[in-house]
Amino acid sequence: MRERAAVATRTAILDTAEALFAEHGYAHVTIKRIAEEADVAQGTVYTAFGSKPALVSALTERAAGDTSIGDALTAVETAATGEEVLALVIANTGDLVRRHSRTMTVLFDAAALDPAIAALLRESEDLQRSRFRLVAGRLESLGALRDDVTESGAVRILEYFVTPLSWHRMLQLGWDWEDAGVFVTEAVCSALLRG
C-alpha cells in the first residue's frame, strides 16, 4: 500500500513537472511551484527526485522506457520487407513523439540551459542511434538497402528524418501528423530502399 502511494506521488510530481515545464519553460518553473501544483510538500519533490535536472532525467527515462519501443524493435526483427521495417519504425516514432511530445519539448528547452540536461539529450540521441543501427542492420539482412547506402549511411538518414526533432519541426511548419507520416515514409523509403 505504501509503495503504491509512493509511486502515485512520484507520478503526480512527474506529470506536474512535465506540464509546467512544457507550458512555462524549464527556466521559469521552480521546485516550489511543482510541489504546490502536485499538492505535495516541497521536501517530497526533493526527496523523490533531488533537483530540476533530475526531474527532466526522470521524464526522459519514462519516455525512453515506453514499452512500444521494444514491441516495435521485436516486430522489425520479424518484418519480411524493407517497406514493412520502415513503416513500423516511422509509425512507432511518430506515436512516441505524439505521446511524449511535452517531455521532448522540455528536454530540448532545458538542454539549452543546463549542461547536465544537454548531456542527457546526447545520451537519448545515442540510445536512438543504437536503435536505428538495429533497424539498418535488419534492412541490410533483408537485402533491402540501395547499393549506394551503407548501414551507417542508413542510420544517418533515419536520424535526419525520423527523430523527434524532425517530427517537431514538421509540426511547427504546419504539417499535421498524418501528412508528416506520409512524407517521412516516402522520403525514407526513397532514400534507403532498392527501387
Protein backbone atom coordinates (compact mmCIF):
# COMPACT_ATOMS: atom_id res chain seq x y z
CA MET A 1 0.00 0.00 0.00
CA ARG A 2 2.76 2.43 0.96
CA GLU A 3 4.73 1.54 -2.18
CA ARG A 4 1.68 2.25 -4.39
CA ALA A 5 1.24 5.62 -2.70
CA ALA A 6 4.91 6.46 -3.31
CA VAL A 7 4.60 5.51 -6.98
CA ALA A 8 1.44 7.61 -7.30
CA THR A 9 3.19 10.57 -5.66
CA ARG A 10 6.20 10.28 -7.99
CA THR A 11 3.88 10.04 -11.00
CA ALA A 12 1.92 13.10 -9.88
CA ILE A 13 5.15 15.07 -9.43
CA LEU A 14 6.47 14.00 -12.85
CA ASP A 15 3.18 14.75 -14.60
CA THR A 16 3.02 18.16 -12.96
CA ALA A 17 6.64 19.00 -13.74
CA GLU A 18 6.19 17.92 -17.35
CA ALA A 19 3.10 20.10 -17.79
CA LEU A 20 4.64 23.14 -16.11
CA PHE A 21 7.98 22.87 -17.90
CA ALA A 22 6.25 22.46 -21.27
CA GLU A 23 3.85 25.35 -20.68
CA HIS A 24 6.13 27.87 -18.98
CA GLY A 25 9.64 26.77 -19.91
CA TYR A 26 12.19 24.96 -17.79
CA ALA A 27 13.88 28.15 -16.56
CA HIS A 28 10.63 29.66 -15.29
CA VAL A 29 9.42 26.77 -13.14
CA THR A 30 10.59 26.23 -9.57
CA ILE A 31 10.53 23.14 -7.41
CA LYS A 32 8.23 25.08 -5.09
CA ARG A 33 5.70 25.60 -7.89
CA ILE A 34 5.88 21.95 -8.91
CA ALA A 35 5.21 20.92 -5.30
CA GLU A 36 2.27 23.31 -4.99
CA GLU A 37 0.68 22.17 -8.25
CA ALA A 38 1.26 18.48 -7.43
CA ASP A 39 -0.21 19.09 -3.95
CA VAL A 40 2.85 17.73 -2.14
CA ALA A 41 5.41 19.25 0.18
CA GLN A 42 8.47 20.81 -1.44
CA GLY A 43 10.63 18.38 0.53
CA THR A 44 8.77 15.49 -1.08
CA VAL A 45 9.88 16.65 -4.54
CA TYR A 46 13.49 16.92 -3.34
CA THR A 47 13.30 13.51 -1.64
CA ALA A 48 11.77 11.84 -4.69
CA PHE A 49 13.94 13.48 -7.34
CA GLY A 50 16.50 15.85 -5.86
CA SER A 51 16.58 18.63 -8.44
CA LYS A 52 15.05 20.08 -11.60
CA PRO A 53 17.61 18.32 -13.84
CA ALA A 54 16.75 15.05 -12.08
CA LEU A 55 13.07 15.64 -12.88
CA VAL A 56 13.91 16.10 -16.57
CA SER A 57 16.04 12.96 -16.40
CA ALA A 58 13.15 11.00 -14.89
CA LEU A 59 10.78 12.32 -17.55
CA THR A 60 13.23 11.31 -20.27
CA GLU A 61 13.71 7.84 -18.77
CA ARG A 62 9.95 7.39 -18.63
CA ALA A 63 9.63 8.23 -22.34
CA ALA A 64 12.66 6.12 -23.31
CA GLY A 65 11.21 3.17 -21.41
CA ASP A 66 7.93 3.24 -23.35
CA THR A 67 7.10 -0.43 -23.96
CA SER A 68 6.06 0.25 -27.54
CA ILE A 69 9.74 0.77 -28.44
CA GLY A 70 10.63 -2.81 -27.56
CA ASP A 71 7.49 -4.08 -29.28
CA ALA A 72 8.41 -2.21 -32.47
CA LEU A 73 12.00 -3.47 -32.41
CA THR A 74 10.72 -7.04 -32.00
CA ALA A 75 8.38 -6.53 -34.93
CA VAL A 76 11.25 -5.13 -37.01
CA GLU A 77 13.19 -8.35 -36.44
CA THR A 78 10.38 -10.40 -37.98
CA ALA A 79 9.38 -7.96 -40.74
CA ALA A 80 9.63 -9.51 -44.18
CA THR A 81 10.39 -6.43 -46.29
CA GLY A 82 12.24 -3.16 -46.06
CA GLU A 83 8.98 -1.27 -46.55
CA GLU A 84 7.46 -3.12 -43.59
CA VAL A 85 10.51 -2.34 -41.42
CA LEU A 86 10.37 1.35 -42.22
CA ALA A 87 6.60 1.58 -41.80
CA LEU A 88 6.93 0.06 -38.31
CA VAL A 89 9.77 2.38 -37.30
CA ILE A 90 8.18 5.55 -38.65
CA ALA A 91 4.73 4.80 -37.20
CA ASN A 92 6.22 3.91 -33.82
CA THR A 93 8.41 7.01 -33.70
CA GLY A 94 5.52 9.25 -34.69
CA ASP A 95 3.32 7.68 -32.00
CA LEU A 96 6.09 8.10 -29.41
CA VAL A 97 6.57 11.74 -30.31
CA ARG A 98 2.83 12.29 -30.05
CA ARG A 99 2.60 10.58 -26.64
CA HIS A 100 5.74 12.16 -25.21
CA SER A 101 5.70 15.48 -27.03
CA ARG A 102 5.75 17.56 -23.85
CA THR A 103 8.70 15.63 -22.43
CA MET A 104 10.64 16.10 -25.66
CA THR A 105 9.82 19.81 -25.69
CA VAL A 106 11.10 20.05 -22.11
CA LEU A 107 14.27 18.14 -22.93
CA PHE A 108 15.11 20.34 -25.94
CA ASP A 109 14.32 23.53 -23.99
CA ALA A 110 16.24 22.57 -20.86
CA ALA A 111 19.27 21.25 -22.77
CA ALA A 112 19.98 24.77 -23.97
CA LEU A 113 20.16 25.97 -20.36
CA ASP A 114 21.68 23.17 -18.34
CA PRO A 115 24.85 21.20 -19.20
CA ALA A 116 23.61 18.13 -17.31
CA ILE A 117 20.45 18.06 -19.40
CA ALA A 118 22.46 18.70 -22.58
CA ALA A 119 24.41 15.54 -21.68
CA LEU A 120 21.11 13.73 -21.11
CA LEU A 121 19.92 14.81 -24.56
CA ARG A 122 23.12 13.44 -26.08
CA GLU A 123 22.55 10.13 -24.23
CA SER A 124 18.99 10.00 -25.58
CA GLU A 125 20.27 10.62 -29.09
CA ASP A 126 22.89 7.88 -28.62
CA LEU A 127 20.18 5.45 -27.50
CA GLN A 128 18.05 6.28 -30.50
CA ARG A 129 21.10 5.91 -32.77
CA SER A 130 21.73 2.43 -31.37
CA ARG A 131 18.11 1.51 -32.10
CA PHE A 132 18.48 2.86 -35.64
CA ARG A 133 21.56 0.65 -36.04
CA LEU A 134 19.34 -2.37 -35.33
CA VAL A 135 16.90 -1.14 -37.97
CA ALA A 136 19.67 -0.55 -40.52
CA GLY A 137 21.09 -3.99 -39.77
CA ARG A 138 17.68 -5.55 -40.41
CA LEU A 139 17.36 -3.67 -43.69
CA GLU A 140 20.82 -4.92 -44.68
CA SER A 141 19.99 -8.51 -43.72
CA LEU A 142 16.86 -8.34 -45.88
CA GLY A 143 18.93 -7.06 -48.81
CA ALA A 144 16.62 -4.04 -48.89
CA LEU A 145 19.18 -1.21 -48.80
CA ARG A 146 20.08 0.55 -52.00
CA ASP A 147 23.52 -0.35 -53.33
CA ASP A 148 24.84 3.15 -52.61
CA VAL A 149 23.64 3.17 -48.96
CA THR A 150 25.75 1.61 -46.20
CA GLU A 151 24.38 0.64 -42.81
CA SER A 152 25.99 3.74 -41.25
CA GLY A 153 24.53 5.85 -44.05
CA ALA A 154 21.12 4.36 -43.33
CA VAL A 155 21.47 5.33 -39.66
CA ARG A 156 22.29 8.93 -40.64
CA ILE A 157 19.25 9.08 -42.94
CA LEU A 158 17.00 7.70 -40.19
CA GLU A 159 18.45 10.23 -37.74
CA TYR A 160 17.72 13.05 -40.16
CA PHE A 161 14.14 12.14 -40.99
CA VAL A 162 12.72 10.11 -38.11
CA THR A 163 13.98 11.65 -34.87
CA PRO A 164 11.66 13.58 -32.53
CA LEU A 165 13.32 16.85 -33.51
CA SER A 166 12.37 16.24 -37.16
CA TRP A 167 8.76 15.49 -36.23
CA HIS A 168 8.61 18.60 -34.03
CA ARG A 169 9.99 20.75 -36.84
CA MET A 170 7.43 19.47 -39.34
CA LEU A 171 4.63 20.18 -36.88
CA GLN A 172 6.00 23.69 -36.28
CA LEU A 173 5.89 24.24 -40.03
CA GLY A 174 2.20 23.39 -40.04
CA TRP A 175 2.19 19.75 -41.13
CA ASP A 176 -0.41 17.55 -39.48
CA TRP A 177 0.54 14.15 -38.09
CA GLU A 178 -0.85 12.16 -41.00
CA ASP A 179 0.78 14.24 -43.74
CA ALA A 180 4.08 14.27 -41.85
CA GLY A 181 3.97 10.47 -41.55
CA VAL A 182 3.26 10.03 -45.26
CA PHE A 183 6.06 12.42 -46.21
CA VAL A 184 8.61 10.79 -43.90
CA THR A 185 7.68 7.30 -45.06
CA GLU A 186 8.01 8.22 -48.74
CA ALA A 187 11.25 10.16 -48.22
CA VAL A 188 12.94 7.47 -46.14
CA CYS A 189 11.84 4.63 -48.42
CA SER A 190 13.15 6.55 -51.42
CA ALA A 191 16.46 7.34 -49.70
CA LEU A 192 17.10 3.86 -48.33
CA LEU A 193 15.37 1.13 -50.28
CA ARG A 194 16.03 -0.51 -53.60
CA GLY A 195 13.66 0.64 -56.33
